[in-house]
């Protein structure tokens, strides 16, 4: 590769990295459900995909706080559980928008819909 093409490639990578860093994070509500019993773990996160990845990691390590989900993982592995993003929060124009409050309200709505304790 000549130096101008190499320089252009580095610049393109830097631009892509900057865009990824500055992109609106996927905030939202997620659920992890035991397919056999229907047991449900519902959560809200400012990075919903990272929260699901963390849960999978904890389950693989045998360290997840939810004993029912951990037991199902130990029995059936990943096939025994369903990992779902239920809703994503949209980016707002208002710089002062309360995303934490929005996530809390959405989580409460989903808890009520599922008949879960607050």
PDB file of N, CA and C in Angstrom:
ATOM      1  N   UNK A   1       0.846  -1.174   0.000  1.00  0.00           N
ATOM      2  CA  UNK A   1       0.000   0.000   0.000  1.00  0.00           C
ATOM      3  C   UNK A   1       0.893   1.240   0.000  1.00  0.00           C
ATOM      4  N   UNK A   2       0.613   2.204  -0.827  1.00  0.00           N
ATOM      5  CA  UNK A   2       1.441   3.413  -0.821  1.00  0.00           C
ATOM      6  C   UNK A   2       1.056   4.287   0.366  1.00  0.00           C
ATOM      7  N   UNK A   3       1.883   5.268   0.655  1.00  0.00           N
ATOM      8  CA  UNK A   3       1.699   6.061   1.871  1.00  0.00           C
ATOM      9  C   UNK A   3       0.407   6.877   1.867  1.00  0.00           C
ATOM     10  N   UNK A   4      -0.037   7.365   0.710  1.00  0.00           N
ATOM     11  CA  UNK A   4      -1.281   8.142   0.679  1.00  0.00           C
ATOM     12  C   UNK A   4      -2.493   7.253   0.950  1.00  0.00           C
ATOM     13  N   UNK A   5      -2.480   6.034   0.429  1.00  0.00           N
ATOM     14  CA  UNK A   5      -3.577   5.097   0.698  1.00  0.00           C
ATOM     15  C   UNK A   5      -3.558   4.669   2.160  1.00  0.00           C
ATOM     16  N   UNK A   6      -2.359   4.475   2.696  1.00  0.00           N
ATOM     17  CA  UNK A   6      -2.219   4.094   4.101  1.00  0.00           C
ATOM     18  C   UNK A   6      -2.721   5.210   5.014  1.00  0.00           C
ATOM     19  N   UNK A   7      -2.378   6.454   4.667  1.00  0.00           N
ATOM     20  CA  UNK A   7      -2.821   7.610   5.441  1.00  0.00           C
ATOM     21  C   UNK A   7      -4.344   7.739   5.383  1.00  0.00           C
ATOM     22  N   UNK A   8      -4.917   7.536   4.210  1.00  0.00           N
ATOM     23  CA  UNK A   8      -6.375   7.610   4.048  1.00  0.00           C
ATOM     24  C   UNK A   8      -7.058   6.517   4.853  1.00  0.00           C
ATOM     25  N   UNK A   9      -6.469   5.331   4.901  1.00  0.00           N
ATOM     26  CA  UNK A   9      -7.028   4.227   5.665  1.00  0.00           C
ATOM     27  C   UNK A   9      -7.012   4.542   7.169  1.00  0.00           C
ATOM     28  N   UNK A  10      -5.909   5.089   7.647  1.00  0.00           N
ATOM     29  CA  UNK A  10      -5.818   5.474   9.065  1.00  0.00           C
ATOM     30  C   UNK A  10      -6.836   6.560   9.400  1.00  0.00           C
ATOM     31  N   UNK A  11      -6.992   7.518   8.513  1.00  0.00           N
ATOM     32  CA  UNK A  11      -7.960   8.589   8.725  1.00  0.00           C
ATOM     33  C   UNK A  11      -9.381   8.032   8.766  1.00  0.00           C
ATOM     34  N   UNK A  12      -9.694   7.126   7.872  1.00  0.00           N
ATOM     35  CA  UNK A  12     -11.027   6.512   7.843  1.00  0.00           C
ATOM     36  C   UNK A  12     -11.293   5.740   9.133  1.00  0.00           C
ATOM     37  N   UNK A  13     -10.276   5.043   9.635  1.00  0.00           N
ATOM     38  CA  UNK A  13     -10.438   4.309  10.898  1.00  0.00           C
ATOM     39  C   UNK A  13     -10.663   5.261  12.058  1.00  0.00           C
ATOM     40  N   UNK A  14      -9.931   6.375  12.080  1.00  0.00           N
ATOM     41  CA  UNK A  14     -10.108   7.366  13.145  1.00  0.00           C
ATOM     42  C   UNK A  14     -11.504   7.977  13.106  1.00  0.00           C
ATOM     43  N   UNK A  15     -11.977   8.290  11.908  1.00  0.00           N
ATOM     44  CA  UNK A  15     -13.322   8.866  11.758  1.00  0.00           C
ATOM     45  C   UNK A  15     -14.367   7.861  12.231  1.00  0.00           C
ATOM     46  N   UNK A  16     -14.230   6.602  11.844  1.00  0.00           N
ATOM     47  CA  UNK A  16     -15.181   5.563  12.262  1.00  0.00           C
ATOM     48  C   UNK A  16     -15.148   5.385  13.774  1.00  0.00           C
ATOM     49  N   UNK A  17     -13.967   5.400  14.375  1.00  0.00           N
ATOM     50  CA  UNK A  17     -13.853   5.258  15.827  1.00  0.00           C
ATOM     51  C   UNK A  17     -14.505   6.439  16.539  1.00  0.00           C
ATOM     52  N   UNK A  18     -14.309   7.641  16.023  1.00  0.00           N
ATOM     53  CA  UNK A  18     -14.913   8.832  16.623  1.00  0.00           C
ATOM     54  C   UNK A  18     -16.433   8.772  16.526  1.00  0.00           C
ATOM     55  N   UNK A  19     -16.947   8.339  15.384  1.00  0.00           N
ATOM     56  CA  UNK A  19     -18.400   8.234  15.218  1.00  0.00           C
ATOM     57  C   UNK A  19     -18.975   7.200  16.175  1.00  0.00           C
ATOM     58  N   UNK A  20     -18.292   6.074  16.341  1.00  0.00           N
ATOM     59  CA  UNK A  20     -18.768   5.041  17.266  1.00  0.00           C
ATOM     60  C   UNK A  20     -18.758   5.561  18.701  1.00  0.00           C
ATOM     61  N   UNK A  21     -17.709   6.274  19.055  1.00  0.00           N
ATOM     62  CA  UNK A  21     -17.596   6.816  20.409  1.00  0.00           C
ATOM     63  C   UNK A  21     -18.681   7.847  20.693  1.00  0.00           C
ATOM     64  N   UNK A  22     -19.002   8.661  19.705  1.00  0.00           N
ATOM     65  CA  UNK A  22     -19.968   9.743  19.886  1.00  0.00           C
ATOM     66  C   UNK A  22     -21.418   9.333  19.625  1.00  0.00           C
ATOM     67  N   UNK A  23     -21.640   8.114  19.196  1.00  0.00           N
ATOM     68  CA  UNK A  23     -22.999   7.656  18.881  1.00  0.00           C
ATOM     69  C   UNK A  23     -23.837   7.549  20.157  1.00  0.00           C
ATOM     70  N   UNK A  24     -25.122   7.728  20.014  1.00  0.00           N
ATOM     71  CA  UNK A  24     -26.050   7.600  21.142  1.00  0.00           C
ATOM     72  C   UNK A  24     -26.056   6.140  21.607  1.00  0.00           C
ATOM     73  N   UNK A  25     -25.832   5.909  22.891  1.00  0.00           N
ATOM     74  CA  UNK A  25     -25.775   4.521  23.382  1.00  0.00           C
ATOM     75  C   UNK A  25     -27.161   3.863  23.380  1.00  0.00           C
ATOM     76  N   UNK A  26     -27.206   2.554  23.192  1.00  0.00           N
ATOM     77  CA  UNK A  26     -28.491   1.851  23.175  1.00  0.00           C
ATOM     78  C   UNK A  26     -29.037   1.652  24.596  1.00  0.00           C
ATOM     79  N   UNK A  27     -29.714   2.671  25.116  1.00  0.00           N
ATOM     80  CA  UNK A  27     -30.327   2.607  26.445  1.00  0.00           C
ATOM     81  C   UNK A  27     -31.674   1.915  26.332  1.00  0.00           C
ATOM     82  N   UNK A  28     -32.032   1.149  27.364  1.00  0.00           N
ATOM     83  CA  UNK A  28     -33.345   0.556  27.298  1.00  0.00           C
ATOM     84  C   UNK A  28     -33.638  -0.459  28.381  1.00  0.00           C
ATOM     85  N   UNK A  29     -34.698  -1.208  28.116  1.00  0.00           N
ATOM     86  CA  UNK A  29     -35.211  -2.226  29.032  1.00  0.00           C
ATOM     87  C   UNK A  29     -34.894  -3.592  28.426  1.00  0.00           C
ATOM     88  N   UNK A  30     -34.429  -4.514  29.271  1.00  0.00           N
ATOM     89  CA  UNK A  30     -34.112  -5.862  28.799  1.00  0.00           C
ATOM     90  C   UNK A  30     -34.736  -6.898  29.728  1.00  0.00           C
ATOM     91  N   UNK A  31     -34.849  -8.106  29.214  1.00  0.00           N
ATOM     92  CA  UNK A  31     -35.394  -9.202  30.000  1.00  0.00           C
ATOM     93  C   UNK A  31     -34.571 -10.461  29.751  1.00  0.00           C
ATOM     94  N   UNK A  32     -34.387 -11.224  30.814  1.00  0.00           N
ATOM     95  CA  UNK A  32     -33.792 -12.548  30.713  1.00  0.00           C
ATOM     96  C   UNK A  32     -34.824 -13.493  31.305  1.00  0.00           C
ATOM     97  N   UNK A  33     -35.280 -14.435  30.482  1.00  0.00           N
ATOM     98  CA  UNK A  33     -36.375 -15.321  30.898  1.00  0.00           C
ATOM     99  C   UNK A  33     -35.912 -16.780  30.874  1.00  0.00           C
ATOM    100  N   UNK A  34     -36.253 -17.489  31.940  1.00  0.00           N
ATOM    101  CA  UNK A  34     -36.036 -18.931  32.010  1.00  0.00           C
ATOM    102  C   UNK A  34     -37.143 -19.572  31.172  1.00  0.00           C
ATOM    103  N   UNK A  35     -36.765 -20.203  30.073  1.00  0.00           N
ATOM    104  CA  UNK A  35     -37.760 -20.779  29.160  1.00  0.00           C
ATOM    105  C   UNK A  35     -38.599 -21.870  29.822  1.00  0.00           C
ATOM    106  N   UNK A  36     -38.024 -22.625  30.744  1.00  0.00           N
ATOM    107  CA  UNK A  36     -38.749 -23.734  31.379  1.00  0.00           C
ATOM    108  C   UNK A  36     -39.781 -23.241  32.392  1.00  0.00           C
ATOM    109  N   UNK A  37     -39.365 -22.369  33.299  1.00  0.00           N
ATOM    110  CA  UNK A  37     -40.266 -21.946  34.377  1.00  0.00           C
ATOM    111  C   UNK A  37     -40.965 -20.626  34.107  1.00  0.00           C
ATOM    112  N   UNK A  38     -40.433 -19.825  33.178  1.00  0.00           N
ATOM    113  CA  UNK A  38     -40.994 -18.508  32.929  1.00  0.00           C
ATOM    114  C   UNK A  38     -40.446 -17.443  33.857  1.00  0.00           C
ATOM    115  N   UNK A  39     -39.548 -17.823  34.782  1.00  0.00           N
ATOM    116  CA  UNK A  39     -38.929 -16.854  35.698  1.00  0.00           C
ATOM    117  C   UNK A  39     -38.305 -15.734  34.878  1.00  0.00           C
ATOM    118  N   UNK A  40     -38.506 -14.490  35.315  1.00  0.00           N
ATOM    119  CA  UNK A  40     -38.101 -13.328  34.535  1.00  0.00           C
ATOM    120  C   UNK A  40     -37.229 -12.390  35.356  1.00  0.00           C
ATOM    121  N   UNK A  41     -36.115 -11.983  34.773  1.00  0.00           N
ATOM    122  CA  UNK A  41     -35.296 -10.913  35.325  1.00  0.00           C
ATOM    123  C   UNK A  41     -35.450  -9.740  34.382  1.00  0.00           C
ATOM    124  N   UNK A  42     -35.918  -8.632  34.912  1.00  0.00           N
ATOM    125  CA  UNK A  42     -36.167  -7.434  34.116  1.00  0.00           C
ATOM    126  C   UNK A  42     -35.207  -6.355  34.580  1.00  0.00           C
ATOM    127  N   UNK A  43     -34.625  -5.612  33.646  1.00  0.00           N
ATOM    128  CA  UNK A  43     -33.691  -4.565  34.032  1.00  0.00           C
ATOM    129  C   UNK A  43     -33.687  -3.412  33.050  1.00  0.00           C
ATOM    130  N   UNK A  44     -33.086  -2.321  33.490  1.00  0.00           N
ATOM    131  CA  UNK A  44     -32.906  -1.132  32.663  1.00  0.00           C
ATOM    132  C   UNK A  44     -31.426  -0.801  32.674  1.00  0.00           C
ATOM    133  N   UNK A  45     -30.925  -0.315  31.541  1.00  0.00           N
ATOM    134  CA  UNK A  45     -29.508   0.008  31.467  1.00  0.00           C
ATOM    135  C   UNK A  45     -29.252   1.126  30.475  1.00  0.00           C
ATOM    136  N   UNK A  46     -28.223   1.910  30.759  1.00  0.00           N
ATOM    137  CA  UNK A  46     -27.781   2.948  29.828  1.00  0.00           C
ATOM    138  C   UNK A  46     -27.027   2.332  28.658  1.00  0.00           C
ATOM    139  N   UNK A  47     -26.687   1.057  28.770  1.00  0.00           N
ATOM    140  CA  UNK A  47     -26.072   0.316  27.678  1.00  0.00           C
ATOM    141  C   UNK A  47     -26.643  -1.100  27.728  1.00  0.00           C
ATOM    142  N   UNK A  48     -27.808  -1.267  27.126  1.00  0.00           N
ATOM    143  CA  UNK A  48     -28.578  -2.494  27.275  1.00  0.00           C
ATOM    144  C   UNK A  48     -27.823  -3.727  26.748  1.00  0.00           C
ATOM    145  N   UNK A  49     -27.114  -3.584  25.649  1.00  0.00           N
ATOM    146  CA  UNK A  49     -26.376  -4.734  25.108  1.00  0.00           C
ATOM    147  C   UNK A  49     -25.223  -5.124  26.025  1.00  0.00           C
ATOM    148  N   UNK A  50     -24.581  -4.134  26.630  1.00  0.00           N
ATOM    149  CA  UNK A  50     -23.512  -4.420  27.582  1.00  0.00           C
ATOM    150  C   UNK A  50     -24.075  -5.123  28.824  1.00  0.00           C
ATOM    151  N   UNK A  51     -25.254  -4.735  29.269  1.00  0.00           N
ATOM    152  CA  UNK A  51     -25.878  -5.375  30.429  1.00  0.00           C
ATOM    153  C   UNK A  51     -26.178  -6.846  30.137  1.00  0.00           C
ATOM    154  N   UNK A  52     -26.684  -7.123  28.942  1.00  0.00           N
ATOM    155  CA  UNK A  52     -26.956  -8.516  28.567  1.00  0.00           C
ATOM    156  C   UNK A  52     -25.660  -9.309  28.434  1.00  0.00           C
ATOM    157  N   UNK A  53     -24.624  -8.706  27.874  1.00  0.00           N
ATOM    158  CA  UNK A  53     -23.332  -9.383  27.773  1.00  0.00           C
ATOM    159  C   UNK A  53     -22.762  -9.676  29.156  1.00  0.00           C
ATOM    160  N   UNK A  54     -22.898  -8.728  30.080  1.00  0.00           N
ATOM    161  CA  UNK A  54     -22.426  -8.931  31.449  1.00  0.00           C
ATOM    162  C   UNK A  54     -23.181 -10.088  32.102  1.00  0.00           C
ATOM    163  N   UNK A  55     -24.492 -10.134  31.905  1.00  0.00           N
ATOM    164  CA  UNK A  55     -25.295 -11.216  32.483  1.00  0.00           C
ATOM    165  C   UNK A  55     -24.853 -12.572  31.931  1.00  0.00           C
ATOM    166  N   UNK A  56     -24.620 -12.647  30.613  1.00  0.00           N
ATOM    167  CA  UNK A  56     -24.135 -13.907  30.017  1.00  0.00           C
ATOM    168  C   UNK A  56     -22.791 -14.317  30.619  1.00  0.00           C
ATOM    169  N   UNK A  57     -21.901 -13.342  30.789  1.00  0.00           N
ATOM    170  CA  UNK A  57     -20.587 -13.619  31.365  1.00  0.00           C
ATOM    171  C   UNK A  57     -20.734 -14.153  32.790  1.00  0.00           C
ATOM    172  N   UNK A  58     -21.545 -13.476  33.608  1.00  0.00           N
ATOM    173  CA  UNK A  58     -21.751 -13.919  34.986  1.00  0.00           C
ATOM    174  C   UNK A  58     -22.345 -15.320  35.033  1.00  0.00           C
ATOM    175  N   UNK A  59     -23.275 -15.611  34.136  1.00  0.00           N
ATOM    176  CA  UNK A  59     -23.868 -16.946  34.077  1.00  0.00           C
ATOM    177  C   UNK A  59     -22.818 -17.994  33.692  1.00  0.00           C
ATOM    178  N   UNK A  60     -21.995 -17.677  32.687  1.00  0.00           N
ATOM    179  CA  UNK A  60     -20.934 -18.620  32.273  1.00  0.00           C
ATOM    180  C   UNK A  60     -19.962 -18.886  33.414  1.00  0.00           C
ATOM    181  N   UNK A  61     -19.687 -17.859  34.220  1.00  0.00           N
ATOM    182  CA  UNK A  61     -18.751 -17.999  35.335  1.00  0.00           C
ATOM    183  C   UNK A  61     -19.407 -18.624  36.569  1.00  0.00           C
ATOM    184  N   UNK A  62     -20.739 -18.800  36.518  1.00  0.00           N
ATOM    185  CA  UNK A  62     -21.451 -19.360  37.670  1.00  0.00           C
ATOM    186  C   UNK A  62     -21.631 -18.365  38.802  1.00  0.00           C
ATOM    187  N   UNK A  63     -21.612 -17.074  38.491  1.00  0.00           N
ATOM    188  CA  UNK A  63     -21.639 -16.034  39.516  1.00  0.00           C
ATOM    189  C   UNK A  63     -22.837 -15.104  39.432  1.00  0.00           C
ATOM    190  N   UNK A  64     -23.877 -15.463  38.683  1.00  0.00           N
ATOM    191  CA  UNK A  64     -25.013 -14.554  38.545  1.00  0.00           C
ATOM    192  C   UNK A  64     -25.799 -14.496  39.850  1.00  0.00           C
ATOM    193  N   UNK A  65     -26.248 -13.315  40.223  1.00  0.00           N
ATOM    194  CA  UNK A  65     -26.968 -13.105  41.482  1.00  0.00           C
ATOM    195  C   UNK A  65     -28.339 -13.777  41.502  1.00  0.00           C
ATOM    196  N   UNK A  66     -28.972 -13.921  40.345  1.00  0.00           N
ATOM    197  CA  UNK A  66     -30.298 -14.555  40.285  1.00  0.00           C
ATOM    198  C   UNK A  66     -30.108 -16.067  40.264  1.00  0.00           C
ATOM    199  N   UNK A  67     -30.378 -16.707  41.388  1.00  0.00           N
ATOM    200  CA  UNK A  67     -30.129 -18.146  41.557  1.00  0.00           C
ATOM    201  C   UNK A  67     -30.963 -19.012  40.605  1.00  0.00           C
ATOM    202  N   UNK A  68     -32.196 -18.590  40.313  1.00  0.00           N
ATOM    203  CA  UNK A  68     -33.061 -19.370  39.420  1.00  0.00           C
ATOM    204  C   UNK A  68     -32.475 -19.374  38.007  1.00  0.00           C
ATOM    205  N   UNK A  69     -32.070 -18.209  37.527  1.00  0.00           N
ATOM    206  CA  UNK A  69     -31.466 -18.145  36.196  1.00  0.00           C
ATOM    207  C   UNK A  69     -30.148 -18.907  36.163  1.00  0.00           C
ATOM    208  N   UNK A  70     -29.351 -18.794  37.228  1.00  0.00           N
ATOM    209  CA  UNK A  70     -28.079 -19.506  37.266  1.00  0.00           C
ATOM    210  C   UNK A  70     -28.305 -21.012  37.239  1.00  0.00           C
ATOM    211  N   UNK A  71     -29.301 -21.487  37.966  1.00  0.00           N
ATOM    212  CA  UNK A  71     -29.595 -22.922  37.980  1.00  0.00           C
ATOM    213  C   UNK A  71     -30.035 -23.405  36.599  1.00  0.00           C
ATOM    214  N   UNK A  72     -30.860 -22.617  35.912  1.00  0.00           N
ATOM    215  CA  UNK A  72     -31.295 -23.000  34.571  1.00  0.00           C
ATOM    216  C   UNK A  72     -30.117 -22.993  33.605  1.00  0.00           C
ATOM    217  N   UNK A  73     -29.251 -22.009  33.717  1.00  0.00           N
ATOM    218  CA  UNK A  73     -28.047 -21.958  32.868  1.00  0.00           C
ATOM    219  C   UNK A  73     -27.191 -23.201  33.116  1.00  0.00           C
ATOM    220  N   UNK A  74     -27.034 -23.568  34.390  1.00  0.00           N
ATOM    221  CA  UNK A  74     -26.218 -24.734  34.718  1.00  0.00           C
ATOM    222  C   UNK A  74     -26.816 -26.013  34.127  1.00  0.00           C
ATOM    223  N   UNK A  75     -28.150 -26.093  34.075  1.00  0.00           N
ATOM    224  CA  UNK A  75     -28.828 -27.264  33.511  1.00  0.00           C
ATOM    225  C   UNK A  75     -28.800 -27.271  31.988  1.00  0.00           C
ATOM    226  N   UNK A  76     -29.171 -26.140  31.369  1.00  0.00           N
ATOM    227  CA  UNK A  76     -29.434 -26.120  29.925  1.00  0.00           C
ATOM    228  C   UNK A  76     -28.499 -25.241  29.112  1.00  0.00           C
ATOM    229  N   UNK A  77     -27.702 -24.418  29.774  1.00  0.00           N
ATOM    230  CA  UNK A  77     -26.842 -23.502  29.038  1.00  0.00           C
ATOM    231  C   UNK A  77     -27.653 -22.376  28.426  1.00  0.00           C
ATOM    232  N   UNK A  78     -27.090 -21.782  27.397  1.00  0.00           N
ATOM    233  CA  UNK A  78     -27.698 -20.609  26.776  1.00  0.00           C
ATOM    234  C   UNK A  78     -29.078 -20.918  26.193  1.00  0.00           C
ATOM    235  N   UNK A  79     -29.324 -22.153  25.776  1.00  0.00           N
ATOM    236  CA  UNK A  79     -30.614 -22.508  25.181  1.00  0.00           C
ATOM    237  C   UNK A  79     -31.764 -22.488  26.180  1.00  0.00           C
ATOM    238  N   UNK A  80     -31.459 -22.547  27.475  1.00  0.00           N
ATOM    239  CA  UNK A  80     -32.507 -22.542  28.493  1.00  0.00           C
ATOM    240  C   UNK A  80     -33.013 -21.152  28.837  1.00  0.00           C
ATOM    241  N   UNK A  81     -32.320 -20.120  28.341  1.00  0.00           N
ATOM    242  CA  UNK A  81     -32.686 -18.749  28.677  1.00  0.00           C
ATOM    243  C   UNK A  81     -32.919 -17.934  27.410  1.00  0.00           C
ATOM    244  N   UNK A  82     -33.815 -16.968  27.516  1.00  0.00           N
ATOM    245  CA  UNK A  82     -34.066 -16.028  26.416  1.00  0.00           C
ATOM    246  C   UNK A  82     -33.570 -14.654  26.869  1.00  0.00           C
ATOM    247  N   UNK A  83     -32.731 -14.027  26.047  1.00  0.00           N
ATOM    248  CA  UNK A  83     -32.188 -12.696  26.308  1.00  0.00           C
ATOM    249  C   UNK A  83     -32.822 -11.741  25.313  1.00  0.00           C
ATOM    250  N   UNK A  84     -33.626 -10.790  25.813  1.00  0.00           N
ATOM    251  CA  UNK A  84     -34.363  -9.901  24.916  1.00  0.00           C
ATOM    252  C   UNK A  84     -34.215  -8.439  25.306  1.00  0.00           C
ATOM    253  N   UNK A  85     -34.111  -7.587  24.294  1.00  0.00           N
ATOM    254  CA  UNK A  85     -34.217  -6.145  24.481  1.00  0.00           C
ATOM    255  C   UNK A  85     -35.687  -5.814  24.247  1.00  0.00           C
ATOM    256  N   UNK A  86     -36.349  -5.299  25.269  1.00  0.00           N
ATOM    257  CA  UNK A  86     -37.783  -5.045  25.175  1.00  0.00           C
ATOM    258  C   UNK A  86     -38.089  -3.682  24.563  1.00  0.00           C
ATOM    259  N   UNK A  87     -37.285  -2.680  24.930  1.00  0.00           N
ATOM    260  CA  UNK A  87     -37.526  -1.342  24.393  1.00  0.00           C
ATOM    261  C   UNK A  87     -36.257  -0.515  24.504  1.00  0.00           C
ATOM    262  N   UNK A  88     -36.003   0.268  23.474  1.00  0.00           N
ATOM    263  CA  UNK A  88     -34.870   1.189  23.474  1.00  0.00           C
ATOM    264  C   UNK A  88     -35.384   2.618  23.609  1.00  0.00           C
ATOM    265  N   UNK A  89     -34.656   3.426  24.347  1.00  0.00           N
ATOM    266  CA  UNK A  89     -34.992   4.835  24.526  1.00  0.00           C
ATOM    267  C   UNK A  89     -34.454   5.605  23.328  1.00  0.00           C
ATOM    268  N   UNK A  90     -35.279   6.470  22.785  1.00  0.00           N
ATOM    269  CA  UNK A  90     -34.863   7.278  21.638  1.00  0.00           C
ATOM    270  C   UNK A  90     -34.077   8.491  22.108  1.00  0.00           C
ATOM    271  N   UNK A  91     -33.130   8.888  21.282  1.00  0.00           N
ATOM    272  CA  UNK A  91     -32.345  10.080  21.582  1.00  0.00           C
ATOM    273  C   UNK A  91     -33.248  11.307  21.462  1.00  0.00           C
ATOM    274  N   UNK A  92     -33.122  12.222  22.411  1.00  0.00           N
ATOM    275  CA  UNK A  92     -33.932  13.425  22.429  1.00  0.00           C
ATOM    276  C   UNK A  92     -33.099  14.628  22.006  1.00  0.00           C
ATOM    277  N   UNK A  93     -33.764  15.626  21.456  1.00  0.00           N
ATOM    278  CA  UNK A  93     -33.101  16.876  21.059  1.00  0.00           C
ATOM    279  C   UNK A  93     -32.656  17.668  22.288  1.00  0.00           C
ATOM    280  N   UNK A  94     -33.448  17.606  23.350  1.00  0.00           N
ATOM    281  CA  UNK A  94     -33.193  18.365  24.576  1.00  0.00           C
ATOM    282  C   UNK A  94     -31.952  17.812  25.287  1.00  0.00           C
ATOM    283  N   UNK A  95     -30.918  18.633  25.422  1.00  0.00           N
ATOM    284  CA  UNK A  95     -29.670  18.205  26.061  1.00  0.00           C
ATOM    285  C   UNK A  95     -29.869  17.907  27.544  1.00  0.00           C
ATOM    286  N   UNK A  96     -30.909  18.473  28.152  1.00  0.00           N
ATOM    287  CA  UNK A  96     -31.168  18.276  29.577  1.00  0.00           C
ATOM    288  C   UNK A  96     -32.173  17.158  29.857  1.00  0.00           C
ATOM    289  N   UNK A  97     -32.512  16.372  28.827  1.00  0.00           N
ATOM    290  CA  UNK A  97     -33.490  15.302  29.017  1.00  0.00           C
ATOM    291  C   UNK A  97     -32.986  14.309  30.065  1.00  0.00           C
ATOM    292  N   UNK A  98     -33.886  13.871  30.937  1.00  0.00           N
ATOM    293  CA  UNK A  98     -33.549  12.959  32.033  1.00  0.00           C
ATOM    294  C   UNK A  98     -33.677  11.505  31.577  1.00  0.00           C
ATOM    295  N   UNK A  99     -32.607  10.966  31.002  1.00  0.00           N
ATOM    296  CA  UNK A  99     -32.628   9.588  30.522  1.00  0.00           C
ATOM    297  C   UNK A  99     -32.758   8.594  31.675  1.00  0.00           C
ATOM    298  N   UNK A 100     -32.125   8.895  32.808  1.00  0.00           N
ATOM    299  CA  UNK A 100     -32.220   8.002  33.966  1.00  0.00           C
ATOM    300  C   UNK A 100     -33.672   7.903  34.438  1.00  0.00           C
ATOM    301  N   UNK A 101     -34.355   9.034  34.486  1.00  0.00           N
ATOM    302  CA  UNK A 101     -35.764   9.034  34.873  1.00  0.00           C
ATOM    303  C   UNK A 101     -36.626   8.280  33.875  1.00  0.00           C
ATOM    304  N   UNK A 102     -36.316   8.454  32.591  1.00  0.00           N
ATOM    305  CA  UNK A 102     -37.052   7.741  31.535  1.00  0.00           C
ATOM    306  C   UNK A 102     -36.867   6.227  31.677  1.00  0.00           C
ATOM    307  N   UNK A 103     -35.630   5.799  31.918  1.00  0.00           N
ATOM    308  CA  UNK A 103     -35.364   4.368  32.099  1.00  0.00           C
ATOM    309  C   UNK A 103     -36.096   3.817  33.323  1.00  0.00           C
ATOM    310  N   UNK A 104     -36.078   4.583  34.405  1.00  0.00           N
ATOM    311  CA  UNK A 104     -36.753   4.153  35.634  1.00  0.00           C
ATOM    312  C   UNK A 104     -38.259   4.008  35.402  1.00  0.00           C
ATOM    313  N   UNK A 105     -38.854   4.976  34.717  1.00  0.00           N
ATOM    314  CA  UNK A 105     -40.298   4.927  34.437  1.00  0.00           C
ATOM    315  C   UNK A 105     -40.638   3.752  33.520  1.00  0.00           C
ATOM    316  N   UNK A 106     -39.837   3.541  32.489  1.00  0.00           N
ATOM    317  CA  UNK A 106     -40.085   2.415  31.583  1.00  0.00           C
ATOM    318  C   UNK A 106     -39.955   1.075  32.304  1.00  0.00           C
ATOM    319  N   UNK A 107     -38.939   0.961  33.146  1.00  0.00           N
ATOM    320  CA  UNK A 107     -38.770  -0.283  33.899  1.00  0.00           C
ATOM    321  C   UNK A 107     -39.980  -0.531  34.795  1.00  0.00           C
ATOM    322  N   UNK A 108     -40.492   0.518  35.433  1.00  0.00           N
ATOM    323  CA  UNK A 108     -41.663   0.375  36.290  1.00  0.00           C
ATOM    324  C   UNK A 108     -42.884  -0.076  35.479  1.00  0.00           C
ATOM    325  N   UNK A 109     -43.062   0.489  34.298  1.00  0.00           N
ATOM    326  CA  UNK A 109     -44.180   0.092  33.430  1.00  0.00           C
ATOM    327  C   UNK A 109     -44.076  -1.381  33.074  1.00  0.00           C
ATOM    328  N   UNK A 110     -42.901  -1.826  32.673  1.00  0.00           N
ATOM    329  CA  UNK A 110     -42.723  -3.238  32.304  1.00  0.00           C
ATOM    330  C   UNK A 110     -42.894  -4.153  33.509  1.00  0.00           C
ATOM    331  N   UNK A 111     -42.446  -3.710  34.691  1.00  0.00           N
ATOM    332  CA  UNK A 111     -42.653  -4.513  35.898  1.00  0.00           C
ATOM    333  C   UNK A 111     -44.146  -4.688  36.188  1.00  0.00           C
ATOM    334  N   UNK A 112     -44.898  -3.610  36.051  1.00  0.00           N
ATOM    335  CA  UNK A 112     -46.339  -3.678  36.288  1.00  0.00           C
ATOM    336  C   UNK A 112     -47.008  -4.583  35.253  1.00  0.00           C
ATOM    337  N   UNK A 113     -46.586  -4.482  34.006  1.00  0.00           N
ATOM    338  CA  UNK A 113     -47.162  -5.326  32.954  1.00  0.00           C
ATOM    339  C   UNK A 113     -46.896  -6.814  33.212  1.00  0.00           C
ATOM    340  N   UNK A 114     -45.750  -7.121  33.808  1.00  0.00           N
ATOM    341  CA  UNK A 114     -45.384  -8.511  34.071  1.00  0.00           C
ATOM    342  C   UNK A 114     -45.836  -8.975  35.470  1.00  0.00           C
ATOM    343  N   UNK A 115     -46.405  -8.070  36.241  1.00  0.00           N
ATOM    344  CA  UNK A 115     -46.854  -8.424  37.590  1.00  0.00           C
ATOM    345  C   UNK A 115     -45.696  -8.642  38.552  1.00  0.00           C
ATOM    346  N   UNK A 116     -44.591  -7.936  38.323  1.00  0.00           N
ATOM    347  CA  UNK A 116     -43.408  -8.066  39.183  1.00  0.00           C
ATOM    348  C   UNK A 116     -43.413  -6.986  40.262  1.00  0.00           C
ATOM    349  N   UNK A 117     -42.757  -7.266  41.369  1.00  0.00           N
ATOM    350  CA  UNK A 117     -42.629  -6.277  42.432  1.00  0.00           C
ATOM    351  C   UNK A 117     -41.754  -5.128  41.956  1.00  0.00           C
ATOM    352  N   UNK A 118     -42.015  -3.924  42.475  1.00  0.00           N
ATOM    353  CA  UNK A 118     -41.210  -2.750  42.063  1.00  0.00           C
ATOM    354  C   UNK A 118     -39.744  -2.853  42.422  1.00  0.00           C
TER     355      UNK A 118
END
